[in-house]
Amino acid sequence: NEEEITTKGASAQSGTSGTSGTSGPSGPSGPSGTSPSSRSNTLPRSNTSSGASPPADAS
């Protein structure tokens, strides 16, 4: 009977690992927010040099 109890305890731990998977999707949403802000930073820099601003728009 004691051996059966230990196996039941291990199965409960595998269930907790599932909840850690949900935290994964929330991670990707963060980087997507930073990508637009980084683009806005490159635009003003290209405007400073008049020669570089036309190619930046084409890219």
Protein backbone atom coordinates (compact mmCIF):
# COMPACT_ATOMS: atom_id res chain seq x y z
CA ASN A 1 0.00 0.00 0.00
CA GLU A 2 2.84 2.43 0.79
CA GLU A 3 4.26 2.00 -2.73
CA GLU A 4 0.91 2.93 -4.29
CA ILE A 5 0.79 6.14 -2.25
CA THR A 6 4.18 7.29 -3.62
CA THR A 7 3.06 6.83 -7.24
CA LYS A 8 -0.11 8.85 -6.58
CA GLY A 9 2.02 11.68 -5.16
CA ALA A 10 4.18 11.78 -8.31
CA SER A 11 1.12 12.07 -10.56
CA ALA A 12 0.02 15.16 -8.64
CA GLN A 13 3.37 16.85 -9.39
CA SER A 14 2.94 16.26 -13.13
CA GLY A 15 -0.32 18.21 -12.91
CA THR A 16 1.44 21.27 -11.51
CA SER A 17 3.83 21.33 -14.47
CA GLY A 18 0.83 22.02 -16.70
CA THR A 19 0.17 25.35 -14.99
CA SER A 20 3.75 26.48 -15.70
CA GLY A 21 2.98 26.00 -19.40
CA THR A 22 0.33 28.73 -19.26
CA SER A 23 2.95 31.28 -18.16
CA GLY A 24 4.76 30.65 -21.48
CA PRO A 25 2.17 32.31 -23.79
CA SER A 26 2.21 35.47 -21.67
CA GLY A 27 5.95 35.80 -22.43
CA PRO A 28 5.65 36.24 -26.26
CA SER A 29 3.13 39.06 -25.80
CA GLY A 30 5.86 41.13 -24.11
CA PRO A 31 8.40 41.17 -27.00
CA SER A 32 5.66 42.05 -29.51
CA GLY A 33 5.10 45.30 -27.59
CA THR A 34 8.79 46.23 -27.72
CA SER A 35 9.07 45.69 -31.51
CA PRO A 36 6.86 48.68 -32.51
CA SER A 37 8.67 51.01 -30.09
CA SER A 38 12.08 50.02 -31.54
CA ARG A 39 10.85 50.90 -35.07
CA SER A 40 9.70 54.36 -33.93
CA ASN A 41 13.22 54.94 -32.54
CA THR A 42 14.87 54.17 -35.90
CA LEU A 43 12.56 56.57 -37.80
CA PRO A 44 13.62 59.78 -35.96
CA ARG A 45 17.30 58.80 -36.34
CA SER A 46 16.94 58.43 -40.12
CA ASN A 47 15.22 61.84 -40.24
CA THR A 48 18.30 63.45 -38.69
CA SER A 49 20.34 62.53 -41.78
CA SER A 50 18.38 63.63 -44.87
CA GLY A 51 20.28 61.14 -47.08
CA ALA A 52 19.34 58.10 -44.98
CA SER A 53 15.64 58.93 -44.60
CA PRO A 54 14.51 57.92 -48.17
CA PRO A 55 16.10 54.39 -48.03
CA ALA A 56 14.63 53.84 -44.55
CA ASP A 57 11.10 54.36 -45.96
CA ALA A 58 11.78 51.93 -48.82
CA SER A 59 12.95 49.23 -46.40
